[in-house]
Each structure stands twice: as C-alpha cells, then as structure tokens.
Amino acid sequence: QEDYAQALVEVLEDLSYLEEPMLVLFTSKDLLLQVSDSLSLSHLAQYKNGDPAQLKKRFERGDSQLLLGTGSFWEGVDFATHPRVIEVVTRLPFQNPEDPFTKKMNQELRLEGKNPFYDYSLPLAILRLKQALGRSSRSSEQESLVILLDQRLLNRQYGSQIQASLEKIAPLVIAKTGEVKEVVEQFRS
C-alpha cells in the first residue's frame, strides 16, 4: 500500500499544474491518510480537516483545489458550483469482503446458487462508480473528467463489464499513466 500511496501522490502532484478543482475518491481511510501525509500540495482531507459537509463548503469556496474523500463523497456530495471538476478514482469501489453485512449477503447468495461476486459485489461497485461520476457532472454547463487509476479495469475478466457499463453514460478513453496528461489536455481544450 505504501508504494501505491506514493504513486498516487506522484499522479496528483503531476496534475496540480492544471489548477482545476480535483476530487480524489478513496475506498480506504488508511490510503487516504497516507496520501494526505505525503502530499506537498495544499489540500483538504476527510478525517483531518473536518466532516464531509464542512469540506464540501470549503472546496466550493475555493479554500483548496484538491479534496481527498471517501464514504459519502462517493454518493452524496455534489459539486455543481464548479464549471469543471477532475475526479480521480483511486480504486474500484468494491465492498470489503470482511464486512459482516457483505459476508452475510455472500453466504445467502451461495445458498441460492448464485455467485456473490458477479451477482452482488460487481453490480454494487458499478453502481457506486456511476454515482461517483454523477458527483461532478450535475448540469449541462458542467464539464468533468474522471481518471480511474485501478488497473483491474484492464487486467481482470470483469473489467470489460465495467467498461461497457461506463461507456453507456460517458465517453471512455483508455490511457497509460504516462498518457494521462495528454488526455487531460484534450479535455481542457
């Protein structure tokens, strides 16, 4: 996780030249805090700088161009006041398999002869991704770019199912890490 946190720091610092509002979504509090502790950029971080409602107000007010969040930032916070938002998704939002509710659901699905991953975890992760995309694109005047940094989108069997689902709601560009700046520049022009 330390190597991944450092890689995320590098990506965020590389994108800071844009001077555009950036919302970075995490699935792990620990990873969020590791990235926050290593960033040299001014930023707002959930668990450090206030509750989600306070952070939303400060971000929209322009106190910082970079907001690190998890939890409710995936589904319940809109940023309609910004004409542009870059959203960085650090990992696909799968439920923690050790969560008691998830364990119970998986057990019930197995008893019904279903596959817990394909019948529950994957559809739920796709739904959360779609909700996340909606956070930064609330009106026809608003433009947003979502950068999904999880390699599983490309190298897992279920990646094509996620891609197909996302393509139904927004254009999708597959780019290597070194090509992200180029894609971002196309977005800006």
C-alpha atoms as a PDB file:
ATOM      1  CA  GLN A   1       0.000   0.000   0.000  1.00  0.00           C
ATOM      2  CA  GLU A   2       2.921   2.391   0.655  1.00  0.00           C
ATOM      3  CA  ASP A   3       4.102   2.056  -2.958  1.00  0.00           C
ATOM      4  CA  TYR A   4       0.589   2.699  -4.242  1.00  0.00           C
ATOM      5  CA  ALA A   5       0.199   5.717  -1.953  1.00  0.00           C
ATOM      6  CA  GLN A   6       3.446   7.165  -3.310  1.00  0.00           C
ATOM      7  CA  ALA A   7       2.325   6.516  -6.899  1.00  0.00           C
ATOM      8  CA  LEU A   8      -0.932   8.370  -6.170  1.00  0.00           C
ATOM      9  CA  VAL A   9       0.988  11.296  -4.693  1.00  0.00           C
ATOM     10  CA  GLU A  10       3.056  11.499  -7.879  1.00  0.00           C
ATOM     11  CA  VAL A  11      -0.039  11.445 -10.114  1.00  0.00           C
ATOM     12  CA  LEU A  12      -1.763  14.160  -8.060  1.00  0.00           C
ATOM     13  CA  GLU A  13       1.323  16.352  -7.988  1.00  0.00           C
ATOM     14  CA  ASP A  14       1.716  15.880 -11.769  1.00  0.00           C
ATOM     15  CA  LEU A  15      -1.889  17.015 -12.296  1.00  0.00           C
ATOM     16  CA  SER A  16      -1.620  20.024  -9.963  1.00  0.00           C
ATOM     17  CA  TYR A  17      -0.391  22.268 -12.798  1.00  0.00           C
ATOM     18  CA  LEU A  18      -3.951  22.221 -14.163  1.00  0.00           C
ATOM     19  CA  GLU A  19      -5.206  24.457 -11.391  1.00  0.00           C
ATOM     20  CA  GLU A  20      -8.621  22.845 -11.741  1.00  0.00           C
ATOM     21  CA  PRO A  21     -10.691  21.557  -8.804  1.00  0.00           C
ATOM     22  CA  MET A  22      -9.837  17.890  -8.171  1.00  0.00           C
ATOM     23  CA  LEU A  23     -11.861  15.460  -6.111  1.00  0.00           C
ATOM     24  CA  VAL A  24      -9.910  12.307  -5.248  1.00  0.00           C
ATOM     25  CA  LEU A  25     -12.059   9.358  -4.173  1.00  0.00           C
ATOM     26  CA  PHE A  26     -10.648   6.614  -1.975  1.00  0.00           C
ATOM     27  CA  THR A  27     -12.107   3.322  -0.786  1.00  0.00           C
ATOM     28  CA  SER A  28      -9.723   3.156   2.185  1.00  0.00           C
ATOM     29  CA  LYS A  29      -9.326   5.646   5.034  1.00  0.00           C
ATOM     30  CA  ASP A  30      -5.769   4.409   5.611  1.00  0.00           C
ATOM     31  CA  LEU A  31      -4.746   5.018   1.996  1.00  0.00           C
ATOM     32  CA  LEU A  32      -6.372   8.459   2.030  1.00  0.00           C
ATOM     33  CA  LEU A  33      -4.410   9.426   5.142  1.00  0.00           C
ATOM     34  CA  GLN A  34      -1.144   8.029   3.750  1.00  0.00           C
ATOM     35  CA  VAL A  35      -1.545  10.083   0.578  1.00  0.00           C
ATOM     36  CA  SER A  36      -2.524  13.167   2.578  1.00  0.00           C
ATOM     37  CA  ASP A  37       0.540  12.838   4.812  1.00  0.00           C
ATOM     38  CA  SER A  38       2.847  12.571   1.774  1.00  0.00           C
ATOM     39  CA  LEU A  39       1.364  15.330  -0.397  1.00  0.00           C
ATOM     40  CA  SER A  40       3.327  18.548  -0.720  1.00  0.00           C
ATOM     41  CA  LEU A  41       0.273  20.270  -2.234  1.00  0.00           C
ATOM     42  CA  SER A  42      -2.273  22.279  -0.300  1.00  0.00           C
ATOM     43  CA  HIS A  43      -5.345  20.078   0.087  1.00  0.00           C
ATOM     44  CA  LEU A  44      -8.373  19.215   2.162  1.00  0.00           C
ATOM     45  CA  ALA A  45      -8.595  15.690   3.539  1.00  0.00           C
ATOM     46  CA  GLN A  46     -11.508  13.905   5.140  1.00  0.00           C
ATOM     47  CA  TYR A  47     -10.698  12.744   8.705  1.00  0.00           C
ATOM     48  CA  LYS A  48      -8.183  15.612   9.029  1.00  0.00           C
ATOM     49  CA  ASN A  49      -9.850  18.854   8.005  1.00  0.00           C
ATOM     50  CA  GLY A  50     -13.473  18.414   9.009  1.00  0.00           C
ATOM     51  CA  ASP A  51     -16.577  16.436   8.243  1.00  0.00           C
ATOM     52  CA  PRO A  52     -17.812  15.967   4.644  1.00  0.00           C
ATOM     53  CA  ALA A  53     -20.262  18.893   4.788  1.00  0.00           C
ATOM     54  CA  GLN A  54     -17.545  21.276   6.019  1.00  0.00           C
ATOM     55  CA  LEU A  55     -15.086  20.021   3.417  1.00  0.00           C
ATOM     56  CA  LYS A  56     -17.645  20.452   0.639  1.00  0.00           C
ATOM     57  CA  LYS A  57     -18.242  24.077   1.649  1.00  0.00           C
ATOM     58  CA  ARG A  58     -14.525  24.825   1.864  1.00  0.00           C
ATOM     59  CA  PHE A  59     -13.836  23.141  -1.501  1.00  0.00           C
ATOM     60  CA  GLU A  60     -16.646  25.030  -3.222  1.00  0.00           C
ATOM     61  CA  ARG A  61     -15.469  28.275  -1.613  1.00  0.00           C
ATOM     62  CA  GLY A  62     -12.045  27.672  -3.156  1.00  0.00           C
ATOM     63  CA  ASP A  63     -10.050  27.132   0.051  1.00  0.00           C
ATOM     64  CA  SER A  64      -8.240  24.376  -1.859  1.00  0.00           C
ATOM     65  CA  GLN A  65      -8.278  22.960  -5.375  1.00  0.00           C
ATOM     66  CA  LEU A  66      -7.704  19.415  -4.073  1.00  0.00           C
ATOM     67  CA  LEU A  67     -10.100  17.389  -1.923  1.00  0.00           C
ATOM     68  CA  LEU A  68      -9.411  13.843  -0.707  1.00  0.00           C
ATOM     69  CA  GLY A  69     -12.540  11.964   0.345  1.00  0.00           C
ATOM     70  CA  THR A  70     -14.181   8.610   0.875  1.00  0.00           C
ATOM     71  CA  GLY A  71     -17.555   7.331   2.093  1.00  0.00           C
ATOM     72  CA  SER A  72     -20.262   9.901   1.401  1.00  0.00           C
ATOM     73  CA  PHE A  73     -18.161  11.606  -1.275  1.00  0.00           C
ATOM     74  CA  TRP A  74     -18.880   8.577  -3.468  1.00  0.00           C
ATOM     75  CA  GLU A  75     -22.623   9.027  -3.344  1.00  0.00           C
ATOM     76  CA  GLY A  76     -23.984  12.040  -1.516  1.00  0.00           C
ATOM     77  CA  VAL A  77     -21.980  15.158  -2.372  1.00  0.00           C
ATOM     78  CA  ASP A  78     -22.474  17.273  -5.491  1.00  0.00           C
ATOM     79  CA  PHE A  79     -20.127  19.942  -6.787  1.00  0.00           C
ATOM     80  CA  ALA A  80     -22.482  21.845  -9.065  1.00  0.00           C
ATOM     81  CA  THR A  81     -20.889  25.251  -8.398  1.00  0.00           C
ATOM     82  CA  HIS A  82     -17.648  24.333 -10.195  1.00  0.00           C
ATOM     83  CA  PRO A  83     -17.812  24.634 -14.000  1.00  0.00           C
ATOM     84  CA  ARG A  84     -15.121  21.940 -14.246  1.00  0.00           C
ATOM     85  CA  VAL A  85     -14.099  19.156 -11.911  1.00  0.00           C
ATOM     86  CA  ILE A  86     -11.458  16.499 -12.323  1.00  0.00           C
ATOM     87  CA  GLU A  87     -12.362  13.401 -10.372  1.00  0.00           C
ATOM     88  CA  VAL A  88      -9.662  10.861  -9.590  1.00  0.00           C
ATOM     89  CA  VAL A  89     -10.878   7.396  -8.561  1.00  0.00           C
ATOM     90  CA  THR A  90      -8.037   5.571  -6.832  1.00  0.00           C
ATOM     91  CA  ARG A  91      -9.598   2.080  -6.726  1.00  0.00           C
ATOM     92  CA  LEU A  92     -12.728   0.335  -7.911  1.00  0.00           C
ATOM     93  CA  PRO A  93     -15.293   0.672  -5.110  1.00  0.00           C
ATOM     94  CA  PHE A  94     -15.808  -2.948  -4.115  1.00  0.00           C
ATOM     95  CA  GLN A  95     -17.310  -3.728  -0.726  1.00  0.00           C
ATOM     96  CA  ASN A  96     -14.899  -5.029   1.900  1.00  0.00           C
ATOM     97  CA  PRO A  97     -15.380  -8.838   1.840  1.00  0.00           C
ATOM     98  CA  GLU A  98     -14.749  -8.901   5.609  1.00  0.00           C
ATOM     99  CA  ASP A  99     -17.652  -6.554   6.325  1.00  0.00           C
ATOM    100  CA  PRO A 100     -20.283  -8.506   8.332  1.00  0.00           C
ATOM    101  CA  PHE A 101     -23.160  -7.445   6.050  1.00  0.00           C
ATOM    102  CA  THR A 102     -21.189  -8.397   2.932  1.00  0.00           C
ATOM    103  CA  LYS A 103     -20.278 -11.768   4.460  1.00  0.00           C
ATOM    104  CA  LYS A 104     -23.948 -12.421   5.248  1.00  0.00           C
ATOM    105  CA  MET A 105     -25.042 -11.412   1.711  1.00  0.00           C
ATOM    106  CA  ASN A 106     -22.370 -13.645   0.177  1.00  0.00           C
ATOM    107  CA  GLN A 107     -23.491 -16.574   2.309  1.00  0.00           C
ATOM    108  CA  GLU A 108     -27.151 -16.063   1.336  1.00  0.00           C
ATOM    109  CA  LEU A 109     -26.278 -15.787  -2.376  1.00  0.00           C
ATOM    110  CA  ARG A 110     -24.227 -19.006  -2.241  1.00  0.00           C
ATOM    111  CA  LEU A 111     -27.187 -20.791  -0.638  1.00  0.00           C
ATOM    112  CA  GLU A 112     -29.322 -19.587  -3.575  1.00  0.00           C
ATOM    113  CA  GLY A 113     -26.742 -20.981  -6.002  1.00  0.00           C
ATOM    114  CA  LYS A 114     -25.566 -17.542  -7.096  1.00  0.00           C
ATOM    115  CA  ASN A 115     -22.071 -16.116  -7.474  1.00  0.00           C
ATOM    116  CA  PRO A 116     -21.572 -13.475  -4.736  1.00  0.00           C
ATOM    117  CA  PHE A 117     -19.019 -11.532  -6.766  1.00  0.00           C
ATOM    118  CA  TYR A 118     -20.889 -11.349 -10.077  1.00  0.00           C
ATOM    119  CA  ASP A 119     -24.382 -11.176  -8.589  1.00  0.00           C
ATOM    120  CA  TYR A 120     -23.680  -8.711  -5.756  1.00  0.00           C
ATOM    121  CA  SER A 121     -20.199  -7.180  -5.449  1.00  0.00           C
ATOM    122  CA  LEU A 122     -19.651  -6.280  -9.099  1.00  0.00           C
ATOM    123  CA  PRO A 123     -23.107  -4.709  -9.732  1.00  0.00           C
ATOM    124  CA  LEU A 124     -22.767  -2.725  -6.490  1.00  0.00           C
ATOM    125  CA  ALA A 125     -19.286  -1.474  -7.479  1.00  0.00           C
ATOM    126  CA  ILE A 126     -20.609  -0.407 -10.900  1.00  0.00           C
ATOM    127  CA  LEU A 127     -23.474   1.450  -9.244  1.00  0.00           C
ATOM    128  CA  ARG A 128     -21.069   3.264  -6.905  1.00  0.00           C
ATOM    129  CA  LEU A 129     -18.857   4.217  -9.873  1.00  0.00           C
ATOM    130  CA  LYS A 130     -21.866   5.644 -11.705  1.00  0.00           C
ATOM    131  CA  GLN A 131     -22.837   7.589  -8.591  1.00  0.00           C
ATOM    132  CA  ALA A 132     -19.290   8.924  -8.364  1.00  0.00           C
ATOM    133  CA  LEU A 133     -19.418  10.070 -11.980  1.00  0.00           C
ATOM    134  CA  GLY A 134     -22.596  11.942 -11.195  1.00  0.00           C
ATOM    135  CA  ARG A 135     -20.924  13.902  -8.404  1.00  0.00           C
ATOM    136  CA  SER A 136     -19.006  16.079 -10.827  1.00  0.00           C
ATOM    137  CA  SER A 137     -21.446  16.391 -13.689  1.00  0.00           C
ATOM    138  CA  ARG A 138     -24.723  17.793 -12.424  1.00  0.00           C
ATOM    139  CA  SER A 139     -25.662  20.169 -15.227  1.00  0.00           C
ATOM    140  CA  SER A 140     -25.210  20.519 -18.971  1.00  0.00           C
ATOM    141  CA  GLU A 141     -22.887  23.502 -18.399  1.00  0.00           C
ATOM    142  CA  GLN A 142     -20.553  21.496 -16.171  1.00  0.00           C
ATOM    143  CA  GLU A 143     -17.655  19.519 -17.622  1.00  0.00           C
ATOM    144  CA  SER A 144     -15.905  16.786 -15.758  1.00  0.00           C
ATOM    145  CA  LEU A 145     -13.099  14.368 -16.334  1.00  0.00           C
ATOM    146  CA  VAL A 146     -12.848  11.155 -14.366  1.00  0.00           C
ATOM    147  CA  ILE A 147      -9.485   9.447 -14.092  1.00  0.00           C
ATOM    148  CA  LEU A 148      -9.792   5.857 -12.898  1.00  0.00           C
ATOM    149  CA  LEU A 149      -6.413   4.595 -11.715  1.00  0.00           C
ATOM    150  CA  ASP A 150      -7.279   0.976 -10.920  1.00  0.00           C
ATOM    151  CA  GLN A 151      -5.529  -1.450 -13.302  1.00  0.00           C
ATOM    152  CA  ARG A 152      -8.161  -4.108 -12.625  1.00  0.00           C
ATOM    153  CA  LEU A 153     -10.334  -2.294 -15.157  1.00  0.00           C
ATOM    154  CA  LEU A 154      -7.904  -3.552 -17.808  1.00  0.00           C
ATOM    155  CA  ASN A 155      -6.460  -6.786 -16.482  1.00  0.00           C
ATOM    156  CA  ARG A 156      -9.396  -8.592 -14.856  1.00  0.00           C
ATOM    157  CA  GLN A 157     -12.118 -10.506 -16.616  1.00  0.00           C
ATOM    158  CA  TYR A 158     -14.814  -8.289 -15.104  1.00  0.00           C
ATOM    159  CA  GLY A 159     -13.060  -5.113 -16.369  1.00  0.00           C
ATOM    160  CA  SER A 160     -14.795  -5.262 -19.731  1.00  0.00           C
ATOM    161  CA  GLN A 161     -18.195  -5.429 -17.991  1.00  0.00           C
ATOM    162  CA  ILE A 162     -17.351  -2.281 -16.008  1.00  0.00           C
ATOM    163  CA  GLN A 163     -16.074  -0.530 -19.136  1.00  0.00           C
ATOM    164  CA  ALA A 164     -19.231  -1.380 -21.073  1.00  0.00           C
ATOM    165  CA  SER A 165     -21.389  -0.045 -18.261  1.00  0.00           C
ATOM    166  CA  LEU A 166     -19.432   3.214 -18.026  1.00  0.00           C
ATOM    167  CA  GLU A 167     -19.456   3.725 -21.806  1.00  0.00           C
ATOM    168  CA  LYS A 168     -23.252   3.909 -21.650  1.00  0.00           C
ATOM    169  CA  ILE A 169     -23.059   7.129 -19.603  1.00  0.00           C
ATOM    170  CA  ALA A 170     -19.838   8.818 -20.776  1.00  0.00           C
ATOM    171  CA  PRO A 171     -17.077   8.536 -23.388  1.00  0.00           C
ATOM    172  CA  LEU A 172     -14.259   6.301 -22.184  1.00  0.00           C
ATOM    173  CA  VAL A 173     -10.582   6.712 -23.057  1.00  0.00           C
ATOM    174  CA  ILE A 174      -8.054   4.067 -22.011  1.00  0.00           C
ATOM    175  CA  ALA A 175      -4.643   5.609 -21.372  1.00  0.00           C
ATOM    176  CA  LYS A 176      -1.410   4.528 -19.735  1.00  0.00           C
ATOM    177  CA  THR A 177      -0.143   6.501 -16.754  1.00  0.00           C
ATOM    178  CA  GLY A 178       2.302   8.424 -18.932  1.00  0.00           C
ATOM    179  CA  GLU A 179      -0.529   9.447 -21.270  1.00  0.00           C
ATOM    180  CA  VAL A 180      -2.823  10.912 -18.610  1.00  0.00           C
ATOM    181  CA  LYS A 181      -1.524  14.467 -19.094  1.00  0.00           C
ATOM    182  CA  GLU A 182      -2.241  14.256 -22.814  1.00  0.00           C
ATOM    183  CA  VAL A 183      -5.829  13.100 -22.187  1.00  0.00           C
ATOM    184  CA  VAL A 184      -6.279  15.868 -19.619  1.00  0.00           C
ATOM    185  CA  GLU A 185      -5.006  18.458 -22.099  1.00  0.00           C
ATOM    186  CA  GLN A 186      -7.561  17.230 -24.663  1.00  0.00           C
ATOM    187  CA  PHE A 187     -10.244  17.668 -22.003  1.00  0.00           C
ATOM    188  CA  ARG A 188      -9.119  21.236 -21.306  1.00  0.00           C
ATOM    189  CA  SER A 189      -9.154  22.317 -24.963  1.00  0.00           C
END
